[in-house]
Amino acid sequence: MNMISRDERKRQKGLKKFFHSFTYPIKGLRYAYRNEQNLVVDVGMAILVVIAGFIFKVSVTEWALLALTIGLVISCELINTAIEAVVDLVTEEYHPLAKVAKDTSAAAVFIFAIVAVIVGIIIFGPKLYAILF
């Protein structure tokens, strides 16, 4: 097997390398979607939010906030998955610091999910209120 050092790979340039670099995030997304139940839930919720955005005819600014919020929730989930994988790589045994790393990365996703719900309430709440009352 022809092994190339990381430094040598970083020095390679060109369109082929540029377009090939997109395969890595696609593989990461595919892995996380297939293996992380919470990411599947996040994507499902994002689809529902986009559908609601079309139904309620949200403004351009509201679309921007929704897109940013959706992107950040999914990004947080992916970072959480990466942290969990690295912790699992380093130790298979229980370690209090491994637990702290996993729990705090999960907490980051949880906090931003709460923020996303608040953004959704701010955007869709008045529209729902106007329809119901």
C-alpha atoms as a PDB file:
ATOM      1  CA  MET A   1       0.000   0.000   0.000  1.00  0.00           C
ATOM      2  CA  ASN A   2       1.357   3.399  -0.998  1.00  0.00           C
ATOM      3  CA  MET A   3       1.255   5.579   2.120  1.00  0.00           C
ATOM      4  CA  ILE A   4       1.503   9.339   1.688  1.00  0.00           C
ATOM      5  CA  SER A   5       2.149  11.541   4.700  1.00  0.00           C
ATOM      6  CA  ARG A   6      -0.440  14.099   5.749  1.00  0.00           C
ATOM      7  CA  ASP A   7       1.972  16.921   4.844  1.00  0.00           C
ATOM      8  CA  GLU A   8       2.438  15.526   1.331  1.00  0.00           C
ATOM      9  CA  ARG A   9      -1.341  15.243   0.861  1.00  0.00           C
ATOM     10  CA  LYS A  10      -1.762  18.848   2.030  1.00  0.00           C
ATOM     11  CA  ARG A  11       0.764  20.031  -0.578  1.00  0.00           C
ATOM     12  CA  GLN A  12      -1.131  18.405  -3.440  1.00  0.00           C
ATOM     13  CA  LYS A  13      -3.138  20.936  -5.417  1.00  0.00           C
ATOM     14  CA  GLY A  14      -5.522  21.017  -8.343  1.00  0.00           C
ATOM     15  CA  LEU A  15      -9.122  20.554  -9.347  1.00  0.00           C
ATOM     16  CA  LYS A  16      -9.013  16.790  -8.902  1.00  0.00           C
ATOM     17  CA  LYS A  17      -7.974  17.164  -5.252  1.00  0.00           C
ATOM     18  CA  PHE A  18     -10.498  19.965  -4.762  1.00  0.00           C
ATOM     19  CA  PHE A  19     -13.451  17.940  -6.060  1.00  0.00           C
ATOM     20  CA  HIS A  20     -12.226  14.786  -4.324  1.00  0.00           C
ATOM     21  CA  SER A  21     -12.237  16.695  -1.024  1.00  0.00           C
ATOM     22  CA  PHE A  22     -16.058  16.811  -1.184  1.00  0.00           C
ATOM     23  CA  THR A  23     -16.238  13.032  -0.812  1.00  0.00           C
ATOM     24  CA  TYR A  24     -15.105  13.202   2.823  1.00  0.00           C
ATOM     25  CA  PRO A  25     -17.966  15.334   4.193  1.00  0.00           C
ATOM     26  CA  ILE A  26     -20.453  13.325   2.130  1.00  0.00           C
ATOM     27  CA  LYS A  27     -19.101  10.111   3.680  1.00  0.00           C
ATOM     28  CA  GLY A  28     -19.336  11.708   7.127  1.00  0.00           C
ATOM     29  CA  LEU A  29     -22.948  12.768   6.554  1.00  0.00           C
ATOM     30  CA  ARG A  30     -23.843   9.331   5.228  1.00  0.00           C
ATOM     31  CA  TYR A  31     -22.241   7.622   8.231  1.00  0.00           C
ATOM     32  CA  ALA A  32     -23.943   9.890  10.753  1.00  0.00           C
ATOM     33  CA  TYR A  33     -27.330   9.622   9.058  1.00  0.00           C
ATOM     34  CA  ARG A  34     -27.133   5.830   9.021  1.00  0.00           C
ATOM     35  CA  ASN A  35     -25.814   5.473  12.568  1.00  0.00           C
ATOM     36  CA  GLU A  36     -27.099   8.397  14.635  1.00  0.00           C
ATOM     37  CA  GLN A  37     -30.803   8.304  15.473  1.00  0.00           C
ATOM     38  CA  ASN A  38     -30.801  11.920  16.651  1.00  0.00           C
ATOM     39  CA  LEU A  39     -29.504  13.131  13.292  1.00  0.00           C
ATOM     40  CA  VAL A  40     -32.378  11.352  11.556  1.00  0.00           C
ATOM     41  CA  VAL A  41     -34.785  13.132  13.936  1.00  0.00           C
ATOM     42  CA  ASP A  42     -33.050  16.473  13.272  1.00  0.00           C
ATOM     43  CA  VAL A  43     -33.308  16.012   9.500  1.00  0.00           C
ATOM     44  CA  GLY A  44     -36.965  15.013   9.834  1.00  0.00           C
ATOM     45  CA  MET A  45     -37.697  18.108  11.899  1.00  0.00           C
ATOM     46  CA  ALA A  46     -35.831  20.250   9.372  1.00  0.00           C
ATOM     47  CA  ILE A  47     -38.014  18.883   6.584  1.00  0.00           C
ATOM     48  CA  LEU A  48     -41.141  19.683   8.613  1.00  0.00           C
ATOM     49  CA  VAL A  49     -39.870  23.215   9.281  1.00  0.00           C
ATOM     50  CA  VAL A  50     -39.196  23.785   5.573  1.00  0.00           C
ATOM     51  CA  ILE A  51     -42.688  22.541   4.701  1.00  0.00           C
ATOM     52  CA  ALA A  52     -44.148  24.824   7.393  1.00  0.00           C
ATOM     53  CA  GLY A  53     -42.109  27.701   5.964  1.00  0.00           C
ATOM     54  CA  PHE A  54     -43.762  27.244   2.572  1.00  0.00           C
ATOM     55  CA  ILE A  55     -47.226  26.822   4.093  1.00  0.00           C
ATOM     56  CA  PHE A  56     -46.915  29.940   6.259  1.00  0.00           C
ATOM     57  CA  LYS A  57     -45.060  31.918   3.582  1.00  0.00           C
ATOM     58  CA  VAL A  58     -42.238  33.069   5.829  1.00  0.00           C
ATOM     59  CA  SER A  59     -40.225  36.145   4.849  1.00  0.00           C
ATOM     60  CA  VAL A  60     -36.724  36.087   3.395  1.00  0.00           C
ATOM     61  CA  THR A  61     -35.282  37.076   6.770  1.00  0.00           C
ATOM     62  CA  GLU A  62     -37.229  34.290   8.480  1.00  0.00           C
ATOM     63  CA  TRP A  63     -35.953  31.808   5.869  1.00  0.00           C
ATOM     64  CA  ALA A  64     -32.408  32.958   6.608  1.00  0.00           C
ATOM     65  CA  LEU A  65     -32.913  32.440  10.344  1.00  0.00           C
ATOM     66  CA  LEU A  66     -34.498  29.021   9.778  1.00  0.00           C
ATOM     67  CA  ALA A  67     -31.691  27.927   7.443  1.00  0.00           C
ATOM     68  CA  LEU A  68     -29.038  29.103   9.888  1.00  0.00           C
ATOM     69  CA  THR A  69     -30.774  27.388  12.793  1.00  0.00           C
ATOM     70  CA  ILE A  70     -31.247  24.115  10.904  1.00  0.00           C
ATOM     71  CA  GLY A  71     -27.629  24.163   9.748  1.00  0.00           C
ATOM     72  CA  LEU A  72     -26.335  24.799  13.246  1.00  0.00           C
ATOM     73  CA  VAL A  73     -28.436  22.062  14.858  1.00  0.00           C
ATOM     74  CA  ILE A  74     -27.258  19.512  12.297  1.00  0.00           C
ATOM     75  CA  SER A  75     -23.656  20.742  12.599  1.00  0.00           C
ATOM     76  CA  CYS A  76     -23.799  20.437  16.397  1.00  0.00           C
ATOM     77  CA  GLU A  77     -25.090  16.887  16.028  1.00  0.00           C
ATOM     78  CA  LEU A  78     -22.229  16.024  13.656  1.00  0.00           C
ATOM     79  CA  ILE A  79     -19.641  17.541  16.009  1.00  0.00           C
ATOM     80  CA  ASN A  80     -21.168  15.548  18.868  1.00  0.00           C
ATOM     81  CA  THR A  81     -20.857  12.374  16.793  1.00  0.00           C
ATOM     82  CA  ALA A  82     -17.214  13.171  16.024  1.00  0.00           C
ATOM     83  CA  ILE A  83     -16.395  13.800  19.690  1.00  0.00           C
ATOM     84  CA  GLU A  84     -18.070  10.547  20.718  1.00  0.00           C
ATOM     85  CA  ALA A  85     -16.131   8.645  18.055  1.00  0.00           C
ATOM     86  CA  VAL A  86     -12.802  10.105  19.167  1.00  0.00           C
ATOM     87  CA  VAL A  87     -13.547   9.312  22.808  1.00  0.00           C
ATOM     88  CA  ASP A  88     -14.456   5.745  21.837  1.00  0.00           C
ATOM     89  CA  LEU A  89     -11.229   5.514  19.836  1.00  0.00           C
ATOM     90  CA  VAL A  90      -9.124   6.615  22.795  1.00  0.00           C
ATOM     91  CA  THR A  91     -10.707   4.363  25.417  1.00  0.00           C
ATOM     92  CA  GLU A  92     -13.094   1.447  25.477  1.00  0.00           C
ATOM     93  CA  GLU A  93     -13.142   1.410  29.259  1.00  0.00           C
ATOM     94  CA  TYR A  94     -15.256   3.659  31.445  1.00  0.00           C
ATOM     95  CA  HIS A  95     -13.456   6.843  32.346  1.00  0.00           C
ATOM     96  CA  PRO A  96     -15.012   9.838  34.108  1.00  0.00           C
ATOM     97  CA  LEU A  97     -13.412  12.295  31.670  1.00  0.00           C
ATOM     98  CA  ALA A  98     -14.682  10.304  28.690  1.00  0.00           C
ATOM     99  CA  LYS A  99     -18.159  10.607  30.183  1.00  0.00           C
ATOM    100  CA  VAL A 100     -17.691  14.360  30.654  1.00  0.00           C
ATOM    101  CA  ALA A 101     -16.618  14.763  27.013  1.00  0.00           C
ATOM    102  CA  LYS A 102     -19.581  12.791  25.705  1.00  0.00           C
ATOM    103  CA  ASP A 103     -22.117  14.363  28.050  1.00  0.00           C
ATOM    104  CA  THR A 104     -21.016  17.940  27.422  1.00  0.00           C
ATOM    105  CA  SER A 105     -20.970  17.499  23.659  1.00  0.00           C
ATOM    106  CA  ALA A 106     -24.494  16.070  23.884  1.00  0.00           C
ATOM    107  CA  ALA A 107     -25.466  19.028  26.078  1.00  0.00           C
ATOM    108  CA  ALA A 108     -24.257  21.433  23.389  1.00  0.00           C
ATOM    109  CA  VAL A 109     -26.618  19.812  20.892  1.00  0.00           C
ATOM    110  CA  PHE A 110     -29.432  19.891  23.450  1.00  0.00           C
ATOM    111  CA  ILE A 111     -28.931  23.600  24.188  1.00  0.00           C
ATOM    112  CA  PHE A 112     -28.954  24.508  20.525  1.00  0.00           C
ATOM    113  CA  ALA A 113     -32.016  22.328  19.930  1.00  0.00           C
ATOM    114  CA  ILE A 114     -33.788  24.389  22.615  1.00  0.00           C
ATOM    115  CA  VAL A 115     -32.657  27.574  20.856  1.00  0.00           C
ATOM    116  CA  ALA A 116     -34.014  26.154  17.579  1.00  0.00           C
ATOM    117  CA  VAL A 117     -37.398  25.526  19.191  1.00  0.00           C
ATOM    118  CA  ILE A 118     -37.425  29.110  20.487  1.00  0.00           C
ATOM    119  CA  VAL A 119     -36.600  30.427  17.007  1.00  0.00           C
ATOM    120  CA  GLY A 120     -39.429  28.288  15.618  1.00  0.00           C
ATOM    121  CA  ILE A 121     -41.854  29.659  18.195  1.00  0.00           C
ATOM    122  CA  ILE A 122     -40.811  33.230  17.404  1.00  0.00           C
ATOM    123  CA  ILE A 123     -41.275  32.696  13.661  1.00  0.00           C
ATOM    124  CA  PHE A 124     -44.291  30.378  13.541  1.00  0.00           C
ATOM    125  CA  GLY A 125     -46.059  31.325  16.787  1.00  0.00           C
ATOM    126  CA  PRO A 126     -47.648  34.561  15.569  1.00  0.00           C
ATOM    127  CA  LYS A 127     -48.631  32.931  12.264  1.00  0.00           C
ATOM    128  CA  LEU A 128     -50.312  30.030  14.066  1.00  0.00           C
ATOM    129  CA  TYR A 129     -51.976  32.411  16.510  1.00  0.00           C
ATOM    130  CA  ALA A 130     -53.399  34.474  13.627  1.00  0.00           C
ATOM    131  CA  ILE A 131     -54.903  31.354  12.038  1.00  0.00           C
ATOM    132  CA  LEU A 132     -56.302  29.855  15.251  1.00  0.00           C
ATOM    133  CA  PHE A 133     -57.646  33.035  16.846  1.00  0.00           C
END
